[in-house]
Structure formats: structure tokens, C-alpha cells
Amino acid sequence: MAKKQVIGRPVVMDGKSYPVSRAVRAGDFVFTHGLMPFERDGTMTDGPIEAQAKVCLQRVKEVLAEAGCGLADVIKATVWLSDPADFDGFNAVWRSFFPKEPPARATVRGELMLTARCEVEVVAYKPAGHAGPMRRRLAPRTRATLLPLKPVAKLAPPKRAKKAKPARKRTVKASPGKKAGAKARPKRGR
């Protein structure tokens, strides 16, 4: 499998083609572009935040299906809202799409969203060729690893004690014709 796989058709909104991919698979992860409340024909959904959020999340679901994933595979989402007052209305719709084990999510205020009230991008984790939602496959193994960790006293690696090197003894061999134990003279270079 290639390192990066572009998924889906070109992104067209309001009759314009944009230089972005609908989704990209990189290994076991799928990344979507920021999905806005555009209908399938490319027109923006009008109405309150609830109507726009529903269309956004439907588009997320469709793009993930093209990548072989579902909403249960979503591990992280980023949401942009044009008006912070829409937060509660968006959350009501979000709960209907993610009723159990919702993904991690950041919600920020966005000002570059044309006339949309919301935009959603997600990251999904699904090993290539795997059937079934990720959470069902990993839940039994991860419950044990998600227990609270005990505080660590020291984060620095343990210091190693330096070993003392044994002192070397120099022995000087006596030249033939000299007494053993007599000191040899150092050679001088010429």
C-alpha cells in the first residue's frame, strides 16, 4: 500500500473546485478536510446551527464511508463555529451522531467559513483491511491500559556510577648487558 492515498472525488463548493482532498489515508489513519454544510449538489444549507451541523456530520459520515471507515472509528475531531452562541445547538446534534464513546474534540471560533455556521474535520483510525469498528476491536485490550498511572518520583534516567580504572604498572626491560632492575634511559630523537 502506498504511504499516502487520496480518497474521494475533487472538492467542489458553490460551483468552484478547491485544491484539497476530501480525505487522505496515511497508514492506519484517515484525515478528512474541513467539511461544511454543503448539500450534495454543492449548495450551502441555510437555517439554524442544528440543520447545518446535521448536514456537516452527514458529509463526514459519507467521506469516512468512502475511506472504509465509520463514525465509530473517529478518534479526534476539530469543529469551527462562526458564533459561540451556537455551541449548545451543535452539541445536541453531535450527541445524536456520537451517542457513546465520543471522540476527542476541540471546538474553536472560525471566521473564514463563508456563510456556514460550522465546519468539521475528523481523524479516524482503522487499520487497512480491517473489518468492523476500531472501538469494538480494541476495547478489551485498552481498558487495562487506561487505568490511572502512579506518579513517577524521578523522570531523569538513573545515573551510572563510574568504575575506577586500575592503575597500570610500567615495567622496563633491561637491555642485554645491563643489570636487571637498572633504569633504562629514554631515547632521544635526532
Protein backbone atom coordinates (compact mmCIF):
# COMPACT_ATOMS: atom_id res chain seq x y z
CA MET A 1 0.00 0.00 0.00
CA ALA A 2 1.22 3.49 -0.78
CA LYS A 3 2.25 5.75 2.09
CA LYS A 4 -0.47 8.27 1.21
CA GLN A 5 -3.76 7.53 -0.53
CA VAL A 6 -6.13 10.31 -1.65
CA ILE A 7 -9.76 9.31 -1.17
CA GLY A 8 -12.85 10.64 -2.91
CA ARG A 9 -13.72 12.95 -5.74
CA PRO A 10 -12.50 16.58 -6.08
CA VAL A 11 -13.93 19.11 -3.63
CA VAL A 12 -16.47 21.40 -5.33
CA MET A 13 -18.37 24.04 -3.34
CA ASP A 14 -20.63 26.74 -4.80
CA GLY A 15 -19.54 25.67 -8.28
CA LYS A 16 -15.82 26.16 -7.52
CA SER A 17 -13.23 23.38 -7.42
CA TYR A 18 -10.85 23.62 -4.44
CA PRO A 19 -7.26 22.30 -4.27
CA VAL A 20 -7.88 19.96 -1.31
CA SER A 21 -8.51 16.24 -0.91
CA ARG A 22 -11.77 15.06 0.64
CA ALA A 23 -9.78 12.59 2.71
CA VAL A 24 -6.30 11.11 2.85
CA ARG A 25 -5.33 7.72 4.26
CA ALA A 26 -1.85 7.63 5.76
CA GLY A 27 -1.13 4.16 7.12
CA ASP A 28 -3.93 3.25 9.52
CA PHE A 29 -5.21 6.84 9.85
CA VAL A 30 -7.77 8.69 7.73
CA PHE A 31 -7.81 12.51 7.76
CA THR A 32 -10.76 14.44 6.31
CA HIS A 33 -10.76 18.01 5.05
CA GLY A 34 -12.92 20.58 6.83
CA LEU A 35 -16.47 19.63 5.87
CA MET A 36 -19.02 22.42 5.72
CA PRO A 37 -22.82 22.16 5.42
CA PHE A 38 -22.95 21.87 1.62
CA GLU A 39 -25.66 19.71 0.12
CA ARG A 40 -24.70 17.04 -2.42
CA ASP A 41 -25.46 19.45 -5.27
CA GLY A 42 -22.87 21.91 -3.87
CA THR A 43 -25.26 24.49 -2.39
CA MET A 44 -24.92 25.74 1.19
CA THR A 45 -27.56 24.61 3.68
CA ASP A 46 -29.47 27.52 5.16
CA GLY A 47 -31.05 27.56 8.56
CA PRO A 48 -30.11 27.24 12.21
CA ILE A 49 -26.98 25.59 13.57
CA GLU A 50 -28.81 22.30 14.14
CA ALA A 51 -29.66 21.97 10.43
CA GLN A 52 -26.13 22.89 9.33
CA ALA A 53 -24.47 20.63 11.93
CA LYS A 54 -26.59 17.68 10.77
CA VAL A 55 -25.51 18.20 7.14
CA CYS A 56 -21.84 18.59 8.18
CA LEU A 57 -21.86 15.36 10.13
CA GLN A 58 -23.70 13.54 7.32
CA ARG A 59 -20.89 14.63 4.97
CA VAL A 60 -18.30 13.39 7.49
CA LYS A 61 -20.07 10.04 7.57
CA GLU A 62 -20.10 9.83 3.74
CA VAL A 63 -16.41 10.72 3.37
CA LEU A 64 -15.44 8.19 6.03
CA ALA A 65 -17.50 5.52 4.23
CA GLU A 66 -15.51 6.22 1.03
CA ALA A 67 -12.37 5.51 3.09
CA GLY A 68 -13.83 2.29 4.51
CA CYS A 69 -14.44 3.81 7.97
CA GLY A 70 -17.42 4.77 10.09
CA LEU A 71 -18.16 7.23 12.86
CA ALA A 72 -17.08 4.63 15.44
CA ASP A 73 -13.54 4.87 14.01
CA VAL A 74 -13.24 8.63 14.66
CA ILE A 75 -10.63 9.36 17.35
CA LYS A 76 -10.25 13.17 17.05
CA ALA A 77 -12.37 15.99 15.68
CA THR A 78 -11.94 19.73 15.25
CA VAL A 79 -15.04 21.90 14.99
CA TRP A 80 -15.20 25.53 13.94
CA LEU A 81 -18.27 27.58 14.86
CA SER A 82 -18.83 31.08 13.45
CA ASP A 83 -20.84 32.09 16.54
CA PRO A 84 -20.02 30.85 20.07
CA ALA A 85 -23.74 31.03 20.87
CA ASP A 86 -24.21 28.00 18.56
CA PHE A 87 -22.18 25.73 20.87
CA ASP A 88 -25.17 24.15 22.66
CA GLY A 89 -27.14 23.62 19.44
CA PHE A 90 -24.13 21.99 17.78
CA ASN A 91 -23.57 19.71 20.80
CA ALA A 92 -27.18 18.49 20.65
CA VAL A 93 -26.65 17.27 17.08
CA TRP A 94 -23.14 15.95 17.89
CA ARG A 95 -24.60 13.73 20.64
CA SER A 96 -27.02 12.17 18.16
CA PHE A 97 -24.11 11.14 15.87
CA PHE A 98 -21.77 10.07 18.72
CA PRO A 99 -24.10 8.76 21.47
CA LYS A 100 -21.45 6.54 23.11
CA GLU A 101 -17.68 6.94 23.41
CA PRO A 102 -17.42 10.25 21.53
CA PRO A 103 -14.02 11.13 20.06
CA ALA A 104 -11.70 13.76 21.49
CA ARG A 105 -12.77 17.14 20.14
CA ALA A 106 -11.63 20.74 20.01
CA THR A 107 -14.17 23.46 19.25
CA VAL A 108 -12.95 26.89 18.20
CA ARG A 109 -14.40 30.03 16.72
CA GLY A 110 -13.84 30.36 12.98
CA GLU A 111 -14.20 33.49 10.89
CA LEU A 112 -13.24 32.25 7.41
CA MET A 113 -16.20 29.96 6.83
CA LEU A 114 -18.08 31.85 4.12
CA THR A 115 -21.74 31.79 5.17
CA ALA A 116 -21.52 28.48 7.06
CA ARG A 117 -22.14 28.35 10.79
CA CYS A 118 -19.97 25.26 11.34
CA GLU A 119 -17.14 23.21 9.85
CA VAL A 120 -15.94 19.78 10.97
CA GLU A 121 -12.80 17.78 10.27
CA VAL A 122 -12.00 14.40 11.77
CA VAL A 123 -9.20 11.88 12.14
CA ALA A 124 -10.20 8.22 12.08
CA TYR A 125 -8.10 5.19 12.96
CA LYS A 126 -8.74 1.98 11.11
CA PRO A 127 -6.05 -0.47 10.09
CA ALA A 128 -6.16 -1.09 6.34
CA GLY A 129 -8.13 -4.22 5.51
CA HIS A 130 -9.71 -4.46 8.98
CA ALA A 131 -13.45 -5.12 9.20
CA GLY A 132 -15.53 -3.61 11.98
CA PRO A 133 -15.26 -0.52 14.14
CA MET A 134 -11.99 0.14 15.91
CA ARG A 135 -13.50 0.56 19.37
CA ARG A 136 -15.04 -2.92 19.40
CA ARG A 137 -11.74 -4.49 18.41
CA LEU A 138 -9.53 -2.58 20.86
CA ALA A 139 -11.81 -2.02 23.84
CA PRO A 140 -10.98 -5.23 25.79
CA ARG A 141 -7.22 -4.63 25.49
CA THR A 142 -7.23 -0.92 26.22
CA ARG A 143 -9.37 -0.90 29.35
CA ALA A 144 -6.48 -2.22 31.42
CA THR A 145 -4.04 0.29 29.96
CA LEU A 146 -6.31 3.26 30.69
CA LEU A 147 -6.15 2.88 34.48
CA PRO A 148 -4.74 5.89 36.37
CA LEU A 149 -0.97 5.91 36.42
CA LYS A 150 1.01 6.26 39.63
CA PRO A 151 3.16 9.39 39.86
CA VAL A 152 6.78 8.87 38.93
CA ALA A 153 9.28 10.10 41.51
CA LYS A 154 12.14 10.80 39.11
CA LEU A 155 11.89 11.38 35.39
CA ALA A 156 15.65 11.63 34.82
CA PRO A 157 17.44 8.45 33.78
CA PRO A 158 19.37 6.73 36.59
CA LYS A 159 22.97 7.86 36.96
CA ARG A 160 25.60 5.22 36.44
CA ALA A 161 28.48 5.01 38.85
CA LYS A 162 31.85 5.43 37.18
CA LYS A 163 34.13 2.46 37.59
CA ALA A 164 37.67 3.27 38.70
CA LYS A 165 40.24 2.16 36.19
CA PRO A 166 43.04 0.04 37.63
CA ALA A 167 46.42 1.77 37.59
CA ARG A 168 48.86 0.40 35.04
CA LYS A 169 52.29 -0.65 36.18
CA ARG A 170 55.16 0.11 33.88
CA THR A 171 57.83 -2.44 33.56
CA VAL A 172 61.08 -1.71 31.87
CA LYS A 173 63.07 -4.50 30.38
CA ALA A 174 66.75 -4.36 30.83
CA SER A 175 68.94 -4.25 27.75
CA PRO A 176 71.30 -7.12 27.18
CA GLY A 177 74.46 -6.46 29.11
CA LYS A 178 72.75 -4.35 31.77
CA LYS A 179 71.72 -5.46 35.18
CA ALA A 180 68.13 -6.32 35.80
CA GLY A 181 66.47 -3.58 37.79
CA ALA A 182 68.64 -0.84 36.27
CA LYS A 183 66.67 2.04 34.81
CA ALA A 184 66.64 2.38 31.06
CA ARG A 185 67.45 5.77 29.60
CA PRO A 186 64.85 7.37 27.36
CA LYS A 187 65.79 7.54 23.70
CA ARG A 188 66.34 10.96 22.26
CA GLY A 189 65.17 11.76 18.80
CA ARG A 190 67.71 13.29 16.39
